[in-house]
Amino acid sequence: MSRLEKKIHKKLKRRKIKVVFKVLFILAMITNLSICIFIIDKSAKDMLGTDAYLLNSFIDDINMDDIKVNIGEKINEIYKAKDKIIKLYNDTKNKT
């Protein structure tokens, strides 16, 4: 092999090694993050107690119908405000 071929071969080998190390790094970070989340969750349960730490009960208390009604009311308010602004604009435009 010539020097150029050896150089190309070494570069390709380095690239493969870099890709492998990047994948290993990402896997290590994912593992580290999941362990940290588990530890934080366990600590929160221990500190607050099982009665105070009820995320599922909060999700069950949410009523989708109430949310839909509230969104509908807000949209109607926005349309009314828009109509008032357009009416005021047209009134001022007609006066001039």
PDB file of N, CA and C in Angstrom:
ATOM      1  N   MET A   1       0.823  -1.182   0.000  1.00  0.00           N
ATOM      2  CA  MET A   1       0.000   0.000   0.000  1.00  0.00           C
ATOM      3  C   MET A   1       0.866   1.244   0.000  1.00  0.00           C
ATOM      4  N   SER A   2       0.390   2.208  -0.690  1.00  0.00           N
ATOM      5  CA  SER A   2       1.128   3.461  -0.715  1.00  0.00           C
ATOM      6  C   SER A   2       0.748   4.292   0.511  1.00  0.00           C
ATOM      7  N   ARG A   3       1.448   5.386   0.678  1.00  0.00           N
ATOM      8  CA  ARG A   3       1.179   6.258   1.828  1.00  0.00           C
ATOM      9  C   ARG A   3      -0.228   6.850   1.744  1.00  0.00           C
ATOM     10  N   LEU A   4      -0.633   7.225   0.543  1.00  0.00           N
ATOM     11  CA  LEU A   4      -1.944   7.811   0.348  1.00  0.00           C
ATOM     12  C   LEU A   4      -3.054   6.819   0.705  1.00  0.00           C
ATOM     13  N   GLU A   5      -2.893   5.571   0.273  1.00  0.00           N
ATOM     14  CA  GLU A   5      -3.888   4.549   0.600  1.00  0.00           C
ATOM     15  C   GLU A   5      -3.950   4.297   2.101  1.00  0.00           C
ATOM     16  N   LYS A   6      -2.787   4.306   2.753  1.00  0.00           N
ATOM     17  CA  LYS A   6      -2.757   4.120   4.205  1.00  0.00           C
ATOM     18  C   LYS A   6      -3.469   5.267   4.920  1.00  0.00           C
ATOM     19  N   LYS A   7      -3.226   6.487   4.436  1.00  0.00           N
ATOM     20  CA  LYS A   7      -3.873   7.650   5.021  1.00  0.00           C
ATOM     21  C   LYS A   7      -5.393   7.555   4.876  1.00  0.00           C
ATOM     22  N   ILE A   8      -5.853   7.207   3.702  1.00  0.00           N
ATOM     23  CA  ILE A   8      -7.286   7.077   3.451  1.00  0.00           C
ATOM     24  C   ILE A   8      -7.868   5.979   4.339  1.00  0.00           C
ATOM     25  N   HIS A   9      -7.157   4.879   4.458  1.00  0.00           N
ATOM     26  CA  HIS A   9      -7.602   3.758   5.291  1.00  0.00           C
ATOM     27  C   HIS A   9      -7.702   4.187   6.766  1.00  0.00           C
ATOM     28  N   LYS A  10      -6.714   4.947   7.242  1.00  0.00           N
ATOM     29  CA  LYS A  10      -6.722   5.423   8.627  1.00  0.00           C
ATOM     30  C   LYS A  10      -7.879   6.393   8.861  1.00  0.00           C
ATOM     31  N   LYS A  11      -8.136   7.290   7.879  1.00  0.00           N
ATOM     32  CA  LYS A  11      -9.236   8.240   8.012  1.00  0.00           C
ATOM     33  C   LYS A  11     -10.583   7.524   8.091  1.00  0.00           C
ATOM     34  N   LEU A  12     -10.762   6.523   7.247  1.00  0.00           N
ATOM     35  CA  LEU A  12     -12.000   5.768   7.277  1.00  0.00           C
ATOM     36  C   LEU A  12     -12.168   5.038   8.606  1.00  0.00           C
ATOM     37  N   LYS A  13     -11.067   4.498   9.109  1.00  0.00           N
ATOM     38  CA  LYS A  13     -11.101   3.794  10.385  1.00  0.00           C
ATOM     39  C   LYS A  13     -11.451   4.764  11.516  1.00  0.00           C
ATOM     40  N   ARG A  14     -10.881   5.980  11.476  1.00  0.00           N
ATOM     41  CA  ARG A  14     -11.174   6.994  12.501  1.00  0.00           C
ATOM     42  C   ARG A  14     -12.641   7.414  12.444  1.00  0.00           C
ATOM     43  N   ARG A  15     -13.170   7.579  11.237  1.00  0.00           N
ATOM     44  CA  ARG A  15     -14.571   7.956  11.090  1.00  0.00           C
ATOM     45  C   ARG A  15     -15.489   6.892  11.688  1.00  0.00           C
ATOM     46  N   LYS A  16     -15.177   5.628  11.404  1.00  0.00           N
ATOM     47  CA  LYS A  16     -15.984   4.541  11.952  1.00  0.00           C
ATOM     48  C   LYS A  16     -15.916   4.544  13.470  1.00  0.00           C
ATOM     49  N   ILE A  17     -14.730   4.757  14.009  1.00  0.00           N
ATOM     50  CA  ILE A  17     -14.565   4.784  15.463  1.00  0.00           C
ATOM     51  C   ILE A  17     -15.322   5.966  16.058  1.00  0.00           C
ATOM     52  N   LYS A  18     -15.271   7.148  15.391  1.00  0.00           N
ATOM     53  CA  LYS A  18     -16.001   8.317  15.884  1.00  0.00           C
ATOM     54  C   LYS A  18     -17.501   8.047  15.906  1.00  0.00           C
ATOM     55  N   VAL A  19     -18.026   7.409  14.879  1.00  0.00           N
ATOM     56  CA  VAL A  19     -19.451   7.106  14.827  1.00  0.00           C
ATOM     57  C   VAL A  19     -19.819   6.155  15.958  1.00  0.00           C
ATOM     58  N   VAL A  20     -18.997   5.150  16.178  1.00  0.00           N
ATOM     59  CA  VAL A  20     -19.263   4.193  17.257  1.00  0.00           C
ATOM     60  C   VAL A  20     -19.238   4.896  18.606  1.00  0.00           C
ATOM     61  N   PHE A  21     -18.258   5.783  18.820  1.00  0.00           N
ATOM     62  CA  PHE A  21     -18.182   6.505  20.081  1.00  0.00           C
ATOM     63  C   PHE A  21     -19.367   7.455  20.261  1.00  0.00           C
ATOM     64  N   LYS A  22     -19.818   8.083  19.192  1.00  0.00           N
ATOM     65  CA  LYS A  22     -20.989   8.957  19.285  1.00  0.00           C
ATOM     66  C   LYS A  22     -22.227   8.168  19.691  1.00  0.00           C
ATOM     67  N   VAL A  23     -22.414   7.004  19.079  1.00  0.00           N
ATOM     68  CA  VAL A  23     -23.561   6.166  19.418  1.00  0.00           C
ATOM     69  C   VAL A  23     -23.462   5.705  20.871  1.00  0.00           C
ATOM     70  N   LEU A  24     -22.281   5.294  21.301  1.00  0.00           N
ATOM     71  CA  LEU A  24     -22.099   4.876  22.690  1.00  0.00           C
ATOM     72  C   LEU A  24     -22.348   6.035  23.657  1.00  0.00           C
ATOM     73  N   PHE A  25     -21.915   7.236  23.287  1.00  0.00           N
ATOM     74  CA  PHE A  25     -22.134   8.404  24.123  1.00  0.00           C
ATOM     75  C   PHE A  25     -23.629   8.700  24.275  1.00  0.00           C
ATOM     76  N   ILE A  26     -24.352   8.640  23.159  1.00  0.00           N
ATOM     77  CA  ILE A  26     -25.789   8.892  23.201  1.00  0.00           C
ATOM     78  C   ILE A  26     -26.489   7.846  24.063  1.00  0.00           C
ATOM     79  N   LEU A  27     -26.120   6.586  23.923  1.00  0.00           N
ATOM     80  CA  LEU A  27     -26.719   5.545  24.744  1.00  0.00           C
ATOM     81  C   LEU A  27     -26.397   5.746  26.224  1.00  0.00           C
ATOM     82  N   ALA A  28     -25.164   6.142  26.518  1.00  0.00           N
ATOM     83  CA  ALA A  28     -24.786   6.395  27.909  1.00  0.00           C
ATOM     84  C   ALA A  28     -25.578   7.563  28.484  1.00  0.00           C
ATOM     85  N   MET A  29     -25.787   8.614  27.705  1.00  0.00           N
ATOM     86  CA  MET A  29     -26.552   9.766  28.190  1.00  0.00           C
ATOM     87  C   MET A  29     -28.025   9.407  28.400  1.00  0.00           C
ATOM     88  N   ILE A  30     -28.583   8.601  27.523  1.00  0.00           N
ATOM     89  CA  ILE A  30     -29.972   8.167  27.684  1.00  0.00           C
ATOM     90  C   ILE A  30     -30.108   7.337  28.957  1.00  0.00           C
ATOM     91  N   THR A  31     -29.174   6.441  29.169  1.00  0.00           N
ATOM     92  CA  THR A  31     -29.194   5.622  30.383  1.00  0.00           C
ATOM     93  C   THR A  31     -29.056   6.491  31.622  1.00  0.00           C
ATOM     94  N   ASN A  32     -28.135   7.426  31.586  1.00  0.00           N
ATOM     95  CA  ASN A  32     -27.920   8.330  32.712  1.00  0.00           C
ATOM     96  C   ASN A  32     -29.175   9.150  33.005  1.00  0.00           C
ATOM     97  N   LEU A  33     -29.809   9.665  31.961  1.00  0.00           N
ATOM     98  CA  LEU A  33     -31.014  10.460  32.129  1.00  0.00           C
ATOM     99  C   LEU A  33     -32.141   9.640  32.726  1.00  0.00           C
ATOM    100  N   SER A  34     -32.344   8.401  32.240  1.00  0.00           N
ATOM    101  CA  SER A  34     -33.418   7.577  32.789  1.00  0.00           C
ATOM    102  C   SER A  34     -33.171   7.218  34.247  1.00  0.00           C
ATOM    103  N   ILE A  35     -31.922   6.968  34.613  1.00  0.00           N
ATOM    104  CA  ILE A  35     -31.614   6.671  36.018  1.00  0.00           C
ATOM    105  C   ILE A  35     -31.877   7.899  36.880  1.00  0.00           C
ATOM    106  N   CYS A  36     -31.490   9.081  36.400  1.00  0.00           N
ATOM    107  CA  CYS A  36     -31.723  10.317  37.159  1.00  0.00           C
ATOM    108  C   CYS A  36     -33.214  10.580  37.332  1.00  0.00           C
ATOM    109  N   ILE A  37     -33.993  10.369  36.291  1.00  0.00           N
ATOM    110  CA  ILE A  37     -35.441  10.569  36.391  1.00  0.00           C
ATOM    111  C   ILE A  37     -36.041   9.598  37.395  1.00  0.00           C
ATOM    112  N   PHE A  38     -35.591   8.358  37.365  1.00  0.00           N
ATOM    113  CA  PHE A  38     -36.091   7.369  38.321  1.00  0.00           C
ATOM    114  C   PHE A  38     -35.746   7.774  39.753  1.00  0.00           C
ATOM    115  N   ILE A  39     -34.527   8.238  39.977  1.00  0.00           N
ATOM    116  CA  ILE A  39     -34.106   8.650  41.319  1.00  0.00           C
ATOM    117  C   ILE A  39     -34.908   9.861  41.790  1.00  0.00           C
ATOM    118  N   ILE A  40     -35.109  10.847  40.905  1.00  0.00           N
ATOM    119  CA  ILE A  40     -35.878  12.039  41.268  1.00  0.00           C
ATOM    120  C   ILE A  40     -37.320  11.665  41.577  1.00  0.00           C
ATOM    121  N   ASP A  41     -37.900  10.796  40.777  1.00  0.00           N
ATOM    122  CA  ASP A  41     -39.276  10.363  41.003  1.00  0.00           C
ATOM    123  C   ASP A  41     -39.408   9.647  42.340  1.00  0.00           C
ATOM    124  N   LYS A  42     -38.462   8.769  42.627  1.00  0.00           N
ATOM    125  CA  LYS A  42     -38.490   8.029  43.897  1.00  0.00           C
ATOM    126  C   LYS A  42     -38.306   8.983  45.069  1.00  0.00           C
ATOM    127  N   SER A  43     -37.413   9.937  44.951  1.00  0.00           N
ATOM    128  CA  SER A  43     -37.194  10.907  46.025  1.00  0.00           C
ATOM    129  C   SER A  43     -38.436  11.763  46.257  1.00  0.00           C
ATOM    130  N   ALA A  44     -39.090  12.164  45.181  1.00  0.00           N
ATOM    131  CA  ALA A  44     -40.312  12.959  45.316  1.00  0.00           C
ATOM    132  C   ALA A  44     -41.396  12.155  46.019  1.00  0.00           C
ATOM    133  N   LYS A  45     -41.528  10.890  45.660  1.00  0.00           N
ATOM    134  CA  LYS A  45     -42.525  10.043  46.326  1.00  0.00           C
ATOM    135  C   LYS A  45     -42.193   9.887  47.800  1.00  0.00           C
ATOM    136  N   ASP A  46     -40.913   9.714  48.125  1.00  0.00           N
ATOM    137  CA  ASP A  46     -40.509   9.558  49.521  1.00  0.00           C
ATOM    138  C   ASP A  46     -40.739  10.840  50.319  1.00  0.00           C
ATOM    139  N   MET A  47     -40.437  11.999  49.722  1.00  0.00           N
ATOM    140  CA  MET A  47     -40.582  13.265  50.434  1.00  0.00           C
ATOM    141  C   MET A  47     -42.045  13.654  50.604  1.00  0.00           C
ATOM    142  N   LEU A  48     -42.829  13.516  49.561  1.00  0.00           N
ATOM    143  CA  LEU A  48     -44.213  13.970  49.615  1.00  0.00           C
ATOM    144  C   LEU A  48     -45.169  12.926  50.176  1.00  0.00           C
ATOM    145  N   GLY A  49     -44.776  11.698  50.105  1.00  0.00           N
ATOM    146  CA  GLY A  49     -45.674  10.628  50.531  1.00  0.00           C
ATOM    147  C   GLY A  49     -46.525  10.159  49.367  1.00  0.00           C
ATOM    148  N   THR A  50     -47.125   9.022  49.532  1.00  0.00           N
ATOM    149  CA  THR A  50     -47.891   8.459  48.418  1.00  0.00           C
ATOM    150  C   THR A  50     -49.199   9.198  48.208  1.00  0.00           C
ATOM    151  N   ASP A  51     -49.774   9.802  49.284  1.00  0.00           N
ATOM    152  CA  ASP A  51     -51.044  10.516  49.129  1.00  0.00           C
ATOM    153  C   ASP A  51     -50.873  11.840  48.396  1.00  0.00           C
ATOM    154  N   ALA A  52     -49.778  12.547  48.650  1.00  0.00           N
ATOM    155  CA  ALA A  52     -49.572  13.863  48.049  1.00  0.00           C
ATOM    156  C   ALA A  52     -49.041  13.763  46.626  1.00  0.00           C
ATOM    157  N   TYR A  53     -48.443  12.670  46.310  1.00  0.00           N
ATOM    158  CA  TYR A  53     -47.824  12.519  45.002  1.00  0.00           C
ATOM    159  C   TYR A  53     -48.763  11.719  44.108  1.00  0.00           C
ATOM    160  N   LEU A  54     -49.810  12.374  43.634  1.00  0.00           N
ATOM    161  CA  LEU A  54     -50.791  11.691  42.797  1.00  0.00           C
ATOM    162  C   LEU A  54     -50.954  12.423  41.487  1.00  0.00           C
ATOM    163  N   LEU A  55     -50.108  12.119  40.540  1.00  0.00           N
ATOM    164  CA  LEU A  55     -50.198  12.752  39.227  1.00  0.00           C
ATOM    165  C   LEU A  55     -51.398  12.213  38.465  1.00  0.00           C
ATOM    166  N   ASN A  56     -51.691  10.939  38.638  1.00  0.00           N
ATOM    167  CA  ASN A  56     -52.794  10.330  37.899  1.00  0.00           C
ATOM    168  C   ASN A  56     -54.134  10.920  38.308  1.00  0.00           C
ATOM    169  N   SER A  57     -54.310  11.268  39.584  1.00  0.00           N
ATOM    170  CA  SER A  57     -55.582  11.828  40.008  1.00  0.00           C
ATOM    171  C   SER A  57     -55.795  13.200  39.376  1.00  0.00           C
ATOM    172  N   PHE A  58     -54.727  13.957  39.176  1.00  0.00           N
ATOM    173  CA  PHE A  58     -54.848  15.256  38.515  1.00  0.00           C
ATOM    174  C   PHE A  58     -55.316  15.075  37.078  1.00  0.00           C
ATOM    175  N   ILE A  59     -54.787  14.099  36.408  1.00  0.00           N
ATOM    176  CA  ILE A  59     -55.166  13.848  35.013  1.00  0.00           C
ATOM    177  C   ILE A  59     -56.621  13.385  34.947  1.00  0.00           C
ATOM    178  N   ASP A  60     -57.078  12.597  35.923  1.00  0.00           N
ATOM    179  CA  ASP A  60     -58.461  12.128  35.923  1.00  0.00           C
ATOM    180  C   ASP A  60     -59.438  13.264  36.200  1.00  0.00           C
ATOM    181  N   ASP A  61     -59.011  14.297  36.950  1.00  0.00           N
ATOM    182  CA  ASP A  61     -59.897  15.404  37.293  1.00  0.00           C
ATOM    183  C   ASP A  61     -60.174  16.329  36.116  1.00  0.00           C
ATOM    184  N   ILE A  62     -59.356  16.271  35.087  1.00  0.00           N
ATOM    185  CA  ILE A  62     -59.536  17.150  33.939  1.00  0.00           C
ATOM    186  C   ILE A  62     -60.721  16.657  33.113  1.00  0.00           C
ATOM    187  N   ASN A  63     -61.645  17.560  32.841  1.00  0.00           N
ATOM    188  CA  ASN A  63     -62.817  17.216  32.050  1.00  0.00           C
ATOM    189  C   ASN A  63     -62.679  17.885  30.679  1.00  0.00           C
ATOM    190  N   MET A  64     -62.648  17.093  29.640  1.00  0.00           N
ATOM    191  CA  MET A  64     -62.434  17.619  28.291  1.00  0.00           C
ATOM    192  C   MET A  64     -63.599  18.493  27.835  1.00  0.00           C
ATOM    193  N   ASP A  65     -64.818  18.197  28.292  1.00  0.00           N
ATOM    194  CA  ASP A  65     -65.972  19.011  27.886  1.00  0.00           C
ATOM    195  C   ASP A  65     -65.847  20.429  28.416  1.00  0.00           C
ATOM    196  N   ASP A  66     -65.373  20.570  29.664  1.00  0.00           N
ATOM    197  CA  ASP A  66     -65.183  21.908  30.232  1.00  0.00           C
ATOM    198  C   ASP A  66     -64.137  22.690  29.438  1.00  0.00           C
ATOM    199  N   ILE A  67     -63.098  22.011  29.037  1.00  0.00           N
ATOM    200  CA  ILE A  67     -62.048  22.672  28.263  1.00  0.00           C
ATOM    201  C   ILE A  67     -62.597  23.140  26.921  1.00  0.00           C
ATOM    202  N   LYS A  68     -63.397  22.296  26.264  1.00  0.00           N
ATOM    203  CA  LYS A  68     -63.982  22.671  24.976  1.00  0.00           C
ATOM    204  C   LYS A  68     -64.907  23.874  25.114  1.00  0.00           C
ATOM    205  N   VAL A  69     -65.710  23.889  26.186  1.00  0.00           N
ATOM    206  CA  VAL A  69     -66.628  25.010  26.401  1.00  0.00           C
ATOM    207  C   VAL A  69     -65.845  26.291  26.648  1.00  0.00           C
ATOM    208  N   ASN A  70     -64.792  26.217  27.463  1.00  0.00           N
ATOM    209  CA  ASN A  70     -63.974  27.396  27.749  1.00  0.00           C
ATOM    210  C   ASN A  70     -63.301  27.935  26.496  1.00  0.00           C
ATOM    211  N   ILE A  71     -62.794  27.045  25.668  1.00  0.00           N
ATOM    212  CA  ILE A  71     -62.153  27.468  24.426  1.00  0.00           C
ATOM    213  C   ILE A  71     -63.184  28.128  23.513  1.00  0.00           C
ATOM    214  N   GLY A  72     -64.382  27.551  23.435  1.00  0.00           N
ATOM    215  CA  GLY A  72     -65.446  28.137  22.616  1.00  0.00           C
ATOM    216  C   GLY A  72     -65.824  29.532  23.088  1.00  0.00           C
ATOM    217  N   GLU A  73     -65.921  29.712  24.406  1.00  0.00           N
ATOM    218  CA  GLU A  73     -66.251  31.033  24.948  1.00  0.00           C
ATOM    219  C   GLU A  73     -65.169  32.056  24.608  1.00  0.00           C
ATOM    220  N   LYS A  74     -63.922  31.667  24.748  1.00  0.00           N
ATOM    221  CA  LYS A  74     -62.815  32.589  24.451  1.00  0.00           C
ATOM    222  C   LYS A  74     -62.808  32.967  22.974  1.00  0.00           C
ATOM    223  N   ILE A  75     -63.086  32.010  22.112  1.00  0.00           N
ATOM    224  CA  ILE A  75     -63.116  32.296  20.672  1.00  0.00           C
ATOM    225  C   ILE A  75     -64.249  33.269  20.355  1.00  0.00           C
ATOM    226  N   ASN A  76     -65.399  33.071  20.999  1.00  0.00           N
ATOM    227  CA  ASN A  76     -66.515  34.000  20.788  1.00  0.00           C
ATOM    228  C   ASN A  76     -66.161  35.407  21.257  1.00  0.00           C
ATOM    229  N   GLU A  77     -65.472  35.516  22.389  1.00  0.00           N
ATOM    230  CA  GLU A  77     -65.037  36.826  22.878  1.00  0.00           C
ATOM    231  C   GLU A  77     -64.084  37.497  21.890  1.00  0.00           C
ATOM    232  N   ILE A  78     -63.212  36.709  21.309  1.00  0.00           N
ATOM    233  CA  ILE A  78     -62.265  37.252  20.330  1.00  0.00           C
ATOM    234  C   ILE A  78     -63.017  37.768  19.100  1.00  0.00           C
ATOM    235  N   TYR A  79     -64.000  37.000  18.622  1.00  0.00           N
ATOM    236  CA  TYR A  79     -64.783  37.439  17.464  1.00  0.00           C
ATOM    237  C   TYR A  79     -65.551  38.724  17.771  1.00  0.00           C
ATOM    238  N   LYS A  80     -66.134  38.821  18.989  1.00  0.00           N
ATOM    239  CA  LYS A  80     -66.865  40.033  19.364  1.00  0.00           C
ATOM    240  C   LYS A  80     -65.930  41.241  19.401  1.00  0.00           C
ATOM    241  N   ALA A  81     -64.733  41.059  19.975  1.00  0.00           N
ATOM    242  CA  ALA A  81     -63.766  42.155  20.039  1.00  0.00           C
ATOM    243  C   ALA A  81     -63.334  42.566  18.634  1.00  0.00           C
ATOM    244  N   LYS A  82     -63.154  41.597  17.764  1.00  0.00           N
ATOM    245  CA  LYS A  82     -62.758  41.886  16.378  1.00  0.00           C
ATOM    246  C   LYS A  82     -63.853  42.672  15.664  1.00  0.00           C
ATOM    247  N   ASP A  83     -65.102  42.250  15.870  1.00  0.00           N
ATOM    248  CA  ASP A  83     -66.218  42.966  15.245  1.00  0.00           C
ATOM    249  C   ASP A  83     -66.306  44.403  15.740  1.00  0.00           C
ATOM    250  N   LYS A  84     -66.097  44.622  17.039  1.00  0.00           N
ATOM    251  CA  LYS A  84     -66.119  45.975  17.592  1.00  0.00           C
ATOM    252  C   LYS A  84     -65.023  46.835  16.977  1.00  0.00           C
ATOM    253  N   ILE A  85     -63.838  46.275  16.838  1.00  0.00           N
ATOM    254  CA  ILE A  85     -62.715  47.023  16.264  1.00  0.00           C
ATOM    255  C   ILE A  85     -63.001  47.383  14.816  1.00  0.00           C
ATOM    256  N   ILE A  86     -63.532  46.433  14.057  1.00  0.00           N
ATOM    257  CA  ILE A  86     -63.858  46.701  12.653  1.00  0.00           C
ATOM    258  C   ILE A  86     -64.946  47.768  12.557  1.00  0.00           C
ATOM    259  N   LYS A  87     -65.956  47.678  13.432  1.00  0.00           N
ATOM    260  CA  LYS A  87     -67.039  48.663  13.427  1.00  0.00           C
ATOM    261  C   LYS A  87     -66.503  50.057  13.761  1.00  0.00           C
ATOM    262  N   LEU A  88     -65.621  50.144  14.771  1.00  0.00           N
ATOM    263  CA  LEU A  88     -65.026  51.438  15.127  1.00  0.00           C
ATOM    264  C   LEU A  88     -64.181  51.989  13.979  1.00  0.00           C
ATOM    265  N   TYR A  89     -63.455  51.134  13.325  1.00  0.00           N
ATOM    266  CA  TYR A  89     -62.616  51.551  12.198  1.00  0.00           C
ATOM    267  C   TYR A  89     -63.492  52.076  11.067  1.00  0.00           C
ATOM    268  N   ASN A  90     -64.568  51.351  10.759  1.00  0.00           N
ATOM    269  CA  ASN A  90     -65.468  51.777   9.682  1.00  0.00           C
ATOM    270  C   ASN A  90     -66.171  53.088  10.031  1.00  0.00           C
ATOM    271  N   ASP A  91     -66.552  53.250  11.306  1.00  0.00           N
ATOM    272  CA  ASP A  91     -67.216  54.496  11.737  1.00  0.00           C
ATOM    273  C   ASP A  91     -66.267  55.686  11.593  1.00  0.00           C
ATOM    274  N   THR A  92     -65.024  55.525  12.008  1.00  0.00           N
ATOM    275  CA  THR A  92     -64.068  56.624  11.902  1.00  0.00           C
ATOM    276  C   THR A  92     -63.724  56.903  10.438  1.00  0.00           C
ATOM    277  N   LYS A  93     -63.720  55.870   9.635  1.00  0.00           N
ATOM    278  CA  LYS A  93     -63.414  56.036   8.211  1.00  0.00           C
ATOM    279  C   LYS A  93     -64.559  56.760   7.498  1.00  0.00           C
ATOM    280  N   ASN A  94     -65.786  56.466   7.875  1.00  0.00           N
ATOM    281  CA  ASN A  94     -66.948  57.094   7.240  1.00  0.00           C
ATOM    282  C   ASN A  94     -67.106  58.551   7.664  1.00  0.00           C
ATOM    283  N   LYS A  95     -66.655  58.918   8.869  1.00  0.00           N
ATOM    284  CA  LYS A  95     -66.782  60.291   9.346  1.00  0.00           C
ATOM    285  C   LYS A  95     -65.853  61.241   8.589  1.00  0.00           C
ATOM    286  N   THR A  96     -64.763  60.730   8.092  1.00  0.00           N
ATOM    287  CA  THR A  96     -63.803  61.613   7.394  1.00  0.00           C
ATOM    288  C   THR A  96     -64.137  61.787   5.963  1.00  0.00           C
TER     289      THR A  96
END
